[in-house]
Structure formats: structure tokens, C-alpha cells
């Protein structure tokens, strides 16, 4: 069984992240879901929320996405997000 899978996060402005992940979780219209290695083929829309990727070394990366699509095909996860920002770069006053 594989311990990681290819993960790509893409926005209209370009690739935000591309690399291997051990686990990725996001929020869809029915709630939070997770993707692990060898996940079945799957497609869903995303609602605004936090996307979290656990990398092979155990570190975590987070992005706030404003919606989009997530697709697992042949054990590769591709997230097409309307926008994706790391939480540290968000201007709280502008977000309100």
C-alpha cells in the first residue's frame, strides 16, 4: 500500500502547490472529507473553508479556499480552487 499520493492545488493564477501528500482534507457541500493514498476515484465541489495537507514528513500545510472542485483520479488528487491563500496572509479586516 502506498504511503503518499500526488497532490496538486491549482487556482486561476497558477499552481499553488504540487507534491506528495500523506493525507488531504477539505470541506464539500456534505461536510469535511479526507483523501488518503489509493482513494477511489471521486469528484466533488468545494465550499469555502480550510484545505489541509499532511506531507510525507508529517508537517501540515493549510490554505483557505473560496470554493472549487476536488477530483481524485487514478490515485492523484487535483484541487481546482477559485482562490487559495495561506491563513497567515489573509487580511482580517479586508475579509470582513
PDB file of N, CA and C in Angstrom:
ATOM      1  N   UNK A   1       0.844  -1.184   0.000  1.00  0.00           N
ATOM      2  CA  UNK A   1       0.000   0.000   0.000  1.00  0.00           C
ATOM      3  C   UNK A   1       0.887   1.243   0.000  1.00  0.00           C
ATOM      4  N   UNK A   2       0.555   2.189  -0.839  1.00  0.00           N
ATOM      5  CA  UNK A   2       1.326   3.431  -0.927  1.00  0.00           C
ATOM      6  C   UNK A   2       1.117   4.269   0.330  1.00  0.00           C
ATOM      7  N   UNK A   3       2.136   5.021   0.707  1.00  0.00           N
ATOM      8  CA  UNK A   3       2.007   5.870   1.894  1.00  0.00           C
ATOM      9  C   UNK A   3       1.770   7.330   1.523  1.00  0.00           C
ATOM     10  N   UNK A   4       1.918   7.672   0.246  1.00  0.00           N
ATOM     11  CA  UNK A   4       1.659   9.041  -0.217  1.00  0.00           C
ATOM     12  C   UNK A   4       0.988   8.983  -1.586  1.00  0.00           C
ATOM     13  N   UNK A   5       0.522  10.140  -2.032  1.00  0.00           N
ATOM     14  CA  UNK A   5      -0.091  10.248  -3.350  1.00  0.00           C
ATOM     15  C   UNK A   5       0.201  11.637  -3.895  1.00  0.00           C
ATOM     16  N   UNK A   6       0.198  11.800  -5.210  1.00  0.00           N
ATOM     17  CA  UNK A   6       0.424  13.119  -5.800  1.00  0.00           C
ATOM     18  C   UNK A   6      -0.772  14.040  -5.533  1.00  0.00           C
ATOM     19  N   UNK A   7      -0.469  15.277  -5.157  1.00  0.00           N
ATOM     20  CA  UNK A   7      -1.490  16.276  -4.847  1.00  0.00           C
ATOM     21  C   UNK A   7      -1.114  17.576  -5.544  1.00  0.00           C
ATOM     22  N   UNK A   8      -2.120  18.180  -6.184  1.00  0.00           N
ATOM     23  CA  UNK A   8      -1.886  19.444  -6.880  1.00  0.00           C
ATOM     24  C   UNK A   8      -3.028  20.394  -6.525  1.00  0.00           C
ATOM     25  N   UNK A   9      -2.679  21.604  -6.100  1.00  0.00           N
ATOM     26  CA  UNK A   9      -3.649  22.665  -5.799  1.00  0.00           C
ATOM     27  C   UNK A   9      -3.444  23.761  -6.826  1.00  0.00           C
ATOM     28  N   UNK A  10      -4.506  24.037  -7.610  1.00  0.00           N
ATOM     29  CA  UNK A  10      -4.416  24.981  -8.722  1.00  0.00           C
ATOM     30  C   UNK A  10      -5.498  26.041  -8.579  1.00  0.00           C
ATOM     31  N   UNK A  11      -5.128  27.299  -8.852  1.00  0.00           N
ATOM     32  CA  UNK A  11      -6.085  28.410  -8.899  1.00  0.00           C
ATOM     33  C   UNK A  11      -6.011  29.014 -10.304  1.00  0.00           C
ATOM     34  N   UNK A  12      -6.909  29.936 -10.623  1.00  0.00           N
ATOM     35  CA  UNK A  12      -6.826  30.571 -11.946  1.00  0.00           C
ATOM     36  C   UNK A  12      -5.503  31.283 -12.213  1.00  0.00           C
ATOM     37  N   UNK A  13      -4.778  31.646 -11.153  1.00  0.00           N
ATOM     38  CA  UNK A  13      -3.500  32.338 -11.346  1.00  0.00           C
ATOM     39  C   UNK A  13      -2.309  31.397 -11.433  1.00  0.00           C
ATOM     40  N   UNK A  14      -2.518  30.098 -11.207  1.00  0.00           N
ATOM     41  CA  UNK A  14      -1.414  29.156 -11.333  1.00  0.00           C
ATOM     42  C   UNK A  14      -1.419  28.066 -10.285  1.00  0.00           C
ATOM     43  N   UNK A  15      -0.350  27.286 -10.269  1.00  0.00           N
ATOM     44  CA  UNK A  15      -0.202  26.172  -9.328  1.00  0.00           C
ATOM     45  C   UNK A  15       0.260  26.728  -7.990  1.00  0.00           C
ATOM     46  N   UNK A  16      -0.511  26.449  -6.949  1.00  0.00           N
ATOM     47  CA  UNK A  16      -0.180  26.898  -5.593  1.00  0.00           C
ATOM     48  C   UNK A  16       0.708  25.868  -4.908  1.00  0.00           C
ATOM     49  N   UNK A  17       0.419  24.596  -5.123  1.00  0.00           N
ATOM     50  CA  UNK A  17       1.214  23.516  -4.528  1.00  0.00           C
ATOM     51  C   UNK A  17       1.170  22.312  -5.448  1.00  0.00           C
ATOM     52  N   UNK A  18       2.297  21.637  -5.568  1.00  0.00           N
ATOM     53  CA  UNK A  18       2.367  20.385  -6.310  1.00  0.00           C
ATOM     54  C   UNK A  18       3.414  19.516  -5.644  1.00  0.00           C
ATOM     55  N   UNK A  19       3.001  18.354  -5.180  1.00  0.00           N
ATOM     56  CA  UNK A  19       3.918  17.458  -4.498  1.00  0.00           C
ATOM     57  C   UNK A  19       3.157  16.281  -3.918  1.00  0.00           C
ATOM     58  N   UNK A  20       3.857  15.485  -3.119  1.00  0.00           N
ATOM     59  CA  UNK A  20       3.235  14.322  -2.500  1.00  0.00           C
ATOM     60  C   UNK A  20       2.600  14.703  -1.175  1.00  0.00           C
ATOM     61  N   UNK A  21       1.522  13.993  -0.836  1.00  0.00           N
ATOM     62  CA  UNK A  21       0.836  14.189   0.434  1.00  0.00           C
ATOM     63  C   UNK A  21       0.509  12.824   1.029  1.00  0.00           C
ATOM     64  N   UNK A  22       0.449  12.764   2.349  1.00  0.00           N
ATOM     65  CA  UNK A  22       0.023  11.551   3.036  1.00  0.00           C
ATOM     66  C   UNK A  22      -1.483  11.564   3.263  1.00  0.00           C
ATOM     67  N   UNK A  23      -2.046  12.780   3.393  1.00  0.00           N
ATOM     68  CA  UNK A  23      -3.484  12.949   3.602  1.00  0.00           C
ATOM     69  C   UNK A  23      -3.859  14.385   3.255  1.00  0.00           C
ATOM     70  N   UNK A  24      -5.040  14.568   2.690  1.00  0.00           N
ATOM     71  CA  UNK A  24      -5.568  15.902   2.406  1.00  0.00           C
ATOM     72  C   UNK A  24      -7.018  15.915   2.863  1.00  0.00           C
ATOM     73  N   UNK A  25      -7.410  16.985   3.566  1.00  0.00           N
ATOM     74  CA  UNK A  25      -8.813  17.138   3.952  1.00  0.00           C
ATOM     75  C   UNK A  25      -9.312  18.497   3.500  1.00  0.00           C
ATOM     76  N   UNK A  26     -10.610  18.540   3.170  1.00  0.00           N
ATOM     77  CA  UNK A  26     -11.240  19.762   2.678  1.00  0.00           C
ATOM     78  C   UNK A  26     -12.718  19.711   3.059  1.00  0.00           C
ATOM     79  N   UNK A  27     -13.454  20.766   2.683  1.00  0.00           N
ATOM     80  CA  UNK A  27     -14.878  20.838   3.009  1.00  0.00           C
ATOM     81  C   UNK A  27     -15.692  20.865   1.718  1.00  0.00           C
ATOM     82  N   UNK A  28     -16.585  19.885   1.602  1.00  0.00           N
ATOM     83  CA  UNK A  28     -17.506  19.809   0.481  1.00  0.00           C
ATOM     84  C   UNK A  28     -18.906  20.181   0.933  1.00  0.00           C
ATOM     85  N   UNK A  29     -19.873  20.128   0.053  1.00  0.00           N
ATOM     86  CA  UNK A  29     -21.236  20.518   0.408  1.00  0.00           C
ATOM     87  C   UNK A  29     -21.881  19.619   1.466  1.00  0.00           C
ATOM     88  N   UNK A  30     -21.386  18.391   1.621  1.00  0.00           N
ATOM     89  CA  UNK A  30     -21.930  17.481   2.631  1.00  0.00           C
ATOM     90  C   UNK A  30     -21.080  17.427   3.893  1.00  0.00           C
ATOM     91  N   UNK A  31     -20.042  18.264   3.969  1.00  0.00           N
ATOM     92  CA  UNK A  31     -19.177  18.293   5.145  1.00  0.00           C
ATOM     93  C   UNK A  31     -17.732  18.012   4.797  1.00  0.00           C
ATOM     94  N   UNK A  32     -16.935  17.831   5.833  1.00  0.00           N
ATOM     95  CA  UNK A  32     -15.500  17.611   5.653  1.00  0.00           C
ATOM     96  C   UNK A  32     -15.244  16.207   5.122  1.00  0.00           C
ATOM     97  N   UNK A  33     -14.262  16.087   4.242  1.00  0.00           N
ATOM     98  CA  UNK A  33     -13.862  14.781   3.721  1.00  0.00           C
ATOM     99  C   UNK A  33     -12.347  14.718   3.677  1.00  0.00           C
ATOM    100  N   UNK A  34     -11.835  13.501   3.652  1.00  0.00           N
ATOM    101  CA  UNK A  34     -10.393  13.296   3.591  1.00  0.00           C
ATOM    102  C   UNK A  34     -10.026  12.371   2.447  1.00  0.00           C
ATOM    103  N   UNK A  35      -8.827  12.559   1.949  1.00  0.00           N
ATOM    104  CA  UNK A  35      -8.292  11.715   0.882  1.00  0.00           C
ATOM    105  C   UNK A  35      -6.997  11.107   1.398  1.00  0.00           C
ATOM    106  N   UNK A  36      -6.890   9.793   1.263  1.00  0.00           N
ATOM    107  CA  UNK A  36      -5.707   9.034   1.655  1.00  0.00           C
ATOM    108  C   UNK A  36      -5.149   8.324   0.422  1.00  0.00           C
ATOM    109  N   UNK A  37      -3.947   7.764   0.521  1.00  0.00           N
ATOM    110  CA  UNK A  37      -3.401   7.024  -0.625  1.00  0.00           C
ATOM    111  C   UNK A  37      -4.360   5.924  -1.085  1.00  0.00           C
ATOM    112  N   UNK A  38      -4.398   5.694  -2.395  1.00  0.00           N
ATOM    113  CA  UNK A  38      -5.223   4.677  -3.032  1.00  0.00           C
ATOM    114  C   UNK A  38      -6.716   4.922  -2.851  1.00  0.00           C
ATOM    115  N   UNK A  39      -7.104   6.192  -2.715  1.00  0.00           N
ATOM    116  CA  UNK A  39      -8.514   6.566  -2.614  1.00  0.00           C
ATOM    117  C   UNK A  39      -9.223   6.210  -3.913  1.00  0.00           C
ATOM    118  N   UNK A  40     -10.500   5.867  -3.832  1.00  0.00           N
ATOM    119  CA  UNK A  40     -11.265   5.583  -5.045  1.00  0.00           C
ATOM    120  C   UNK A  40     -11.412   6.868  -5.864  1.00  0.00           C
ATOM    121  N   UNK A  41     -11.697   6.721  -7.154  1.00  0.00           N
ATOM    122  CA  UNK A  41     -11.961   7.896  -7.985  1.00  0.00           C
ATOM    123  C   UNK A  41     -13.169   8.626  -7.417  1.00  0.00           C
ATOM    124  N   UNK A  42     -13.088   9.967  -7.400  1.00  0.00           N
ATOM    125  CA  UNK A  42     -14.050  10.762  -6.643  1.00  0.00           C
ATOM    126  C   UNK A  42     -14.009  12.184  -7.166  1.00  0.00           C
ATOM    127  N   UNK A  43     -15.157  12.836  -7.245  1.00  0.00           N
ATOM    128  CA  UNK A  43     -15.186  14.248  -7.604  1.00  0.00           C
ATOM    129  C   UNK A  43     -16.272  14.923  -6.775  1.00  0.00           C
ATOM    130  N   UNK A  44     -15.985  16.129  -6.299  1.00  0.00           N
ATOM    131  CA  UNK A  44     -16.953  16.891  -5.521  1.00  0.00           C
ATOM    132  C   UNK A  44     -16.653  18.372  -5.652  1.00  0.00           C
ATOM    133  N   UNK A  45     -17.658  19.163  -5.378  1.00  0.00           N
ATOM    134  CA  UNK A  45     -17.427  20.608  -5.300  1.00  0.00           C
ATOM    135  C   UNK A  45     -16.884  20.926  -3.910  1.00  0.00           C
ATOM    136  N   UNK A  46     -16.266  22.081  -3.790  1.00  0.00           N
ATOM    137  CA  UNK A  46     -15.758  22.561  -2.506  1.00  0.00           C
ATOM    138  C   UNK A  46     -16.546  23.794  -2.088  1.00  0.00           C
ATOM    139  N   UNK A  47     -16.743  23.935  -0.793  1.00  0.00           N
ATOM    140  CA  UNK A  47     -17.347  25.146  -0.259  1.00  0.00           C
ATOM    141  C   UNK A  47     -16.232  25.919   0.437  1.00  0.00           C
ATOM    142  N   UNK A  48     -16.436  27.202   0.693  1.00  0.00           N
ATOM    143  CA  UNK A  48     -15.386  27.961   1.374  1.00  0.00           C
ATOM    144  C   UNK A  48     -14.997  27.305   2.703  1.00  0.00           C
ATOM    145  N   UNK A  49     -13.703  27.188   2.902  1.00  0.00           N
ATOM    146  CA  UNK A  49     -13.205  26.556   4.125  1.00  0.00           C
ATOM    147  C   UNK A  49     -11.709  26.354   4.053  1.00  0.00           C
ATOM    148  N   UNK A  50     -11.223  25.540   4.981  1.00  0.00           N
ATOM    149  CA  UNK A  50      -9.778  25.281   5.081  1.00  0.00           C
ATOM    150  C   UNK A  50      -9.458  23.943   4.426  1.00  0.00           C
ATOM    151  N   UNK A  51      -8.446  23.951   3.588  1.00  0.00           N
ATOM    152  CA  UNK A  51      -7.907  22.745   2.978  1.00  0.00           C
ATOM    153  C   UNK A  51      -6.601  22.451   3.698  1.00  0.00           C
ATOM    154  N   UNK A  52      -6.449  21.222   4.189  1.00  0.00           N
ATOM    155  CA  UNK A  52      -5.244  20.848   4.929  1.00  0.00           C
ATOM    156  C   UNK A  52      -4.557  19.685   4.242  1.00  0.00           C
ATOM    157  N   UNK A  53      -3.256  19.790   4.070  1.00  0.00           N
ATOM    158  CA  UNK A  53      -2.451  18.703   3.509  1.00  0.00           C
ATOM    159  C   UNK A  53      -1.418  18.289   4.547  1.00  0.00           C
ATOM    160  N   UNK A  54      -1.355  16.997   4.821  1.00  0.00           N
ATOM    161  CA  UNK A  54      -0.309  16.442   5.666  1.00  0.00           C
ATOM    162  C   UNK A  54       0.738  15.862   4.728  1.00  0.00           C
ATOM    163  N   UNK A  55       1.945  16.379   4.828  1.00  0.00           N
ATOM    164  CA  UNK A  55       3.025  15.993   3.924  1.00  0.00           C
ATOM    165  C   UNK A  55       3.711  14.723   4.419  1.00  0.00           C
ATOM    166  N   UNK A  56       4.519  14.084   3.585  1.00  0.00           N
ATOM    167  CA  UNK A  56       5.166  12.826   3.973  1.00  0.00           C
ATOM    168  C   UNK A  56       6.005  12.931   5.251  1.00  0.00           C
ATOM    169  N   UNK A  57       6.573  14.101   5.540  1.00  0.00           N
ATOM    170  CA  UNK A  57       7.391  14.253   6.753  1.00  0.00           C
ATOM    171  C   UNK A  57       6.549  14.559   7.991  1.00  0.00           C
ATOM    172  N   UNK A  58       5.214  14.600   7.840  1.00  0.00           N
ATOM    173  CA  UNK A  58       4.329  14.858   8.972  1.00  0.00           C
ATOM    174  C   UNK A  58       3.952  16.315   9.151  1.00  0.00           C
ATOM    175  N   UNK A  59       4.608  17.210   8.433  1.00  0.00           N
ATOM    176  CA  UNK A  59       4.261  18.632   8.546  1.00  0.00           C
ATOM    177  C   UNK A  59       2.925  18.884   7.853  1.00  0.00           C
ATOM    178  N   UNK A  60       2.273  19.976   8.244  1.00  0.00           N
ATOM    179  CA  UNK A  60       0.958  20.306   7.702  1.00  0.00           C
ATOM    180  C   UNK A  60       1.003  21.640   6.984  1.00  0.00           C
ATOM    181  N   UNK A  61       0.263  21.710   5.890  1.00  0.00           N
ATOM    182  CA  UNK A  61       0.090  22.960   5.161  1.00  0.00           C
ATOM    183  C   UNK A  61      -1.401  23.254   5.112  1.00  0.00           C
ATOM    184  N   UNK A  62      -1.753  24.539   5.215  1.00  0.00           N
ATOM    185  CA  UNK A  62      -3.150  24.947   5.204  1.00  0.00           C
ATOM    186  C   UNK A  62      -3.368  26.057   4.191  1.00  0.00           C
ATOM    187  N   UNK A  63      -4.539  26.027   3.563  1.00  0.00           N
ATOM    188  CA  UNK A  63      -4.963  27.095   2.675  1.00  0.00           C
ATOM    189  C   UNK A  63      -6.440  27.362   2.931  1.00  0.00           C
ATOM    190  N   UNK A  64      -6.834  28.611   2.831  1.00  0.00           N
ATOM    191  CA  UNK A  64      -8.244  28.963   2.868  1.00  0.00           C
ATOM    192  C   UNK A  64      -8.700  29.051   1.419  1.00  0.00           C
ATOM    193  N   UNK A  65      -9.660  28.205   1.056  1.00  0.00           N
ATOM    194  CA  UNK A  65     -10.162  28.198  -0.321  1.00  0.00           C
ATOM    195  C   UNK A  65     -11.576  28.768  -0.335  1.00  0.00           C
ATOM    196  N   UNK A  66     -11.916  29.425  -1.426  1.00  0.00           N
ATOM    197  CA  UNK A  66     -13.222  30.067  -1.530  1.00  0.00           C
ATOM    198  C   UNK A  66     -14.225  29.222  -2.302  1.00  0.00           C
ATOM    199  N   UNK A  67     -13.873  28.004  -2.606  1.00  0.00           N
ATOM    200  CA  UNK A  67     -14.730  27.102  -3.365  1.00  0.00           C
ATOM    201  C   UNK A  67     -13.962  26.522  -4.525  1.00  0.00           C
ATOM    202  N   UNK A  68     -14.586  25.590  -5.231  1.00  0.00           N
ATOM    203  CA  UNK A  68     -13.937  24.983  -6.382  1.00  0.00           C
ATOM    204  C   UNK A  68     -14.333  23.535  -6.536  1.00  0.00           C
ATOM    205  N   UNK A  69     -13.411  22.727  -7.057  1.00  0.00           N
ATOM    206  CA  UNK A  69     -13.640  21.302  -7.292  1.00  0.00           C
ATOM    207  C   UNK A  69     -12.453  20.498  -6.792  1.00  0.00           C
ATOM    208  N   UNK A  70     -12.736  19.277  -6.329  1.00  0.00           N
ATOM    209  CA  UNK A  70     -11.686  18.332  -5.956  1.00  0.00           C
ATOM    210  C   UNK A  70     -11.947  17.041  -6.711  1.00  0.00           C
ATOM    211  N   UNK A  71     -10.887  16.502  -7.322  1.00  0.00           N
ATOM    212  CA  UNK A  71     -11.016  15.268  -8.078  1.00  0.00           C
ATOM    213  C   UNK A  71      -9.880  14.323  -7.713  1.00  0.00           C
ATOM    214  N   UNK A  72     -10.243  13.084  -7.396  1.00  0.00           N
ATOM    215  CA  UNK A  72      -9.260  12.011  -7.263  1.00  0.00           C
ATOM    216  C   UNK A  72      -9.445  11.127  -8.483  1.00  0.00           C
ATOM    217  N   UNK A  73      -8.372  10.971  -9.247  1.00  0.00           N
ATOM    218  CA  UNK A  73      -8.413  10.092 -10.419  1.00  0.00           C
ATOM    219  C   UNK A  73      -7.103   9.328 -10.487  1.00  0.00           C
ATOM    220  N   UNK A  74      -7.223   8.013 -10.492  1.00  0.00           N
ATOM    221  CA  UNK A  74      -6.047   7.141 -10.549  1.00  0.00           C
ATOM    222  C   UNK A  74      -5.045   7.490  -9.447  1.00  0.00           C
ATOM    223  N   UNK A  75      -5.557   7.690  -8.236  1.00  0.00           N
ATOM    224  CA  UNK A  75      -4.756   7.961  -7.029  1.00  0.00           C
ATOM    225  C   UNK A  75      -4.017   9.295  -7.077  1.00  0.00           C
ATOM    226  N   UNK A  76      -4.489  10.249  -7.880  1.00  0.00           N
ATOM    227  CA  UNK A  76      -3.930  11.603  -7.923  1.00  0.00           C
ATOM    228  C   UNK A  76      -5.048  12.573  -7.544  1.00  0.00           C
ATOM    229  N   UNK A  77      -4.786  13.437  -6.562  1.00  0.00           N
ATOM    230  CA  UNK A  77      -5.768  14.443  -6.146  1.00  0.00           C
ATOM    231  C   UNK A  77      -5.425  15.775  -6.794  1.00  0.00           C
ATOM    232  N   UNK A  78      -6.414  16.332  -7.497  1.00  0.00           N
ATOM    233  CA  UNK A  78      -6.284  17.664  -8.073  1.00  0.00           C
ATOM    234  C   UNK A  78      -7.394  18.522  -7.499  1.00  0.00           C
ATOM    235  N   UNK A  79      -7.020  19.651  -6.924  1.00  0.00           N
ATOM    236  CA  UNK A  79      -7.991  20.612  -6.410  1.00  0.00           C
ATOM    237  C   UNK A  79      -7.911  21.853  -7.283  1.00  0.00           C
ATOM    238  N   UNK A  80      -9.043  22.202  -7.885  1.00  0.00           N
ATOM    239  CA  UNK A  80      -9.165  23.431  -8.668  1.00  0.00           C
ATOM    240  C   UNK A  80      -9.953  24.402  -7.806  1.00  0.00           C
ATOM    241  N   UNK A  81      -9.265  25.372  -7.227  1.00  0.00           N
ATOM    242  CA  UNK A  81      -9.895  26.307  -6.295  1.00  0.00           C
ATOM    243  C   UNK A  81     -10.058  27.672  -6.939  1.00  0.00           C
ATOM    244  N   UNK A  82     -11.158  28.339  -6.608  1.00  0.00           N
ATOM    245  CA  UNK A  82     -11.364  29.706  -7.092  1.00  0.00           C
ATOM    246  C   UNK A  82     -10.262  30.618  -6.584  1.00  0.00           C
ATOM    247  N   UNK A  83      -9.879  30.424  -5.325  1.00  0.00           N
ATOM    248  CA  UNK A  83      -8.730  31.117  -4.736  1.00  0.00           C
ATOM    249  C   UNK A  83      -8.222  30.270  -3.593  1.00  0.00           C
ATOM    250  N   UNK A  84      -6.947  30.415  -3.264  1.00  0.00           N
ATOM    251  CA  UNK A  84      -6.335  29.677  -2.156  1.00  0.00           C
ATOM    252  C   UNK A  84      -5.264  30.557  -1.542  1.00  0.00           C
ATOM    253  N   UNK A  85      -5.431  30.852  -0.265  1.00  0.00           N
ATOM    254  CA  UNK A  85      -4.469  31.685   0.454  1.00  0.00           C
ATOM    255  C   UNK A  85      -4.044  30.985   1.730  1.00  0.00           C
ATOM    256  N   UNK A  86      -2.785  31.138   2.101  1.00  0.00           N
ATOM    257  CA  UNK A  86      -2.366  30.611   3.393  1.00  0.00           C
ATOM    258  C   UNK A  86      -2.979  31.497   4.476  1.00  0.00           C
ATOM    259  N   UNK A  87      -3.399  30.919   5.593  1.00  0.00           N
ATOM    260  CA  UNK A  87      -4.072  31.701   6.639  1.00  0.00           C
ATOM    261  C   UNK A  87      -3.263  32.900   7.125  1.00  0.00           C
ATOM    262  N   UNK A  88      -1.937  32.798   7.102  1.00  0.00           N
ATOM    263  CA  UNK A  88      -1.089  33.888   7.597  1.00  0.00           C
ATOM    264  C   UNK A  88      -1.161  35.133   6.718  1.00  0.00           C
ATOM    265  N   UNK A  89      -1.526  34.957   5.457  1.00  0.00           N
ATOM    266  CA  UNK A  89      -1.521  36.112   4.529  1.00  0.00           C
ATOM    267  C   UNK A  89      -2.874  36.801   4.417  1.00  0.00           C
ATOM    268  N   UNK A  90      -3.881  36.293   5.095  1.00  0.00           N
ATOM    269  CA  UNK A  90      -5.211  36.878   4.980  1.00  0.00           C
ATOM    270  C   UNK A  90      -5.314  38.134   5.840  1.00  0.00           C
ATOM    271  N   UNK A  91      -5.804  39.189   5.238  1.00  0.00           N
ATOM    272  CA  UNK A  91      -6.051  40.459   5.931  1.00  0.00           C
ATOM    273  C   UNK A  91      -7.429  40.360   6.577  1.00  0.00           C
ATOM    274  N   UNK A  92      -7.472  40.242   7.910  1.00  0.00           N
ATOM    275  CA  UNK A  92      -8.734  40.031   8.621  1.00  0.00           C
ATOM    276  C   UNK A  92      -9.732  41.153   8.382  1.00  0.00           C
ATOM    277  N   UNK A  93      -9.272  42.390   8.353  1.00  0.00           N
ATOM    278  CA  UNK A  93     -10.204  43.493   8.151  1.00  0.00           C
ATOM    279  C   UNK A  93     -10.774  43.484   6.740  1.00  0.00           C
ATOM    280  N   UNK A  94      -9.975  43.098   5.751  1.00  0.00           N
ATOM    281  CA  UNK A  94     -10.469  43.022   4.379  1.00  0.00           C
ATOM    282  C   UNK A  94     -11.446  41.858   4.214  1.00  0.00           C
ATOM    283  N   UNK A  95     -11.211  40.764   4.957  1.00  0.00           N
ATOM    284  CA  UNK A  95     -12.078  39.605   4.860  1.00  0.00           C
ATOM    285  C   UNK A  95     -13.472  39.860   5.420  1.00  0.00           C
ATOM    286  N   UNK A  96     -13.552  40.774   6.389  1.00  0.00           N
ATOM    287  CA  UNK A  96     -14.867  41.088   6.975  1.00  0.00           C
ATOM    288  C   UNK A  96     -15.705  41.797   5.959  1.00  0.00           C
TER     289      UNK A  96
END
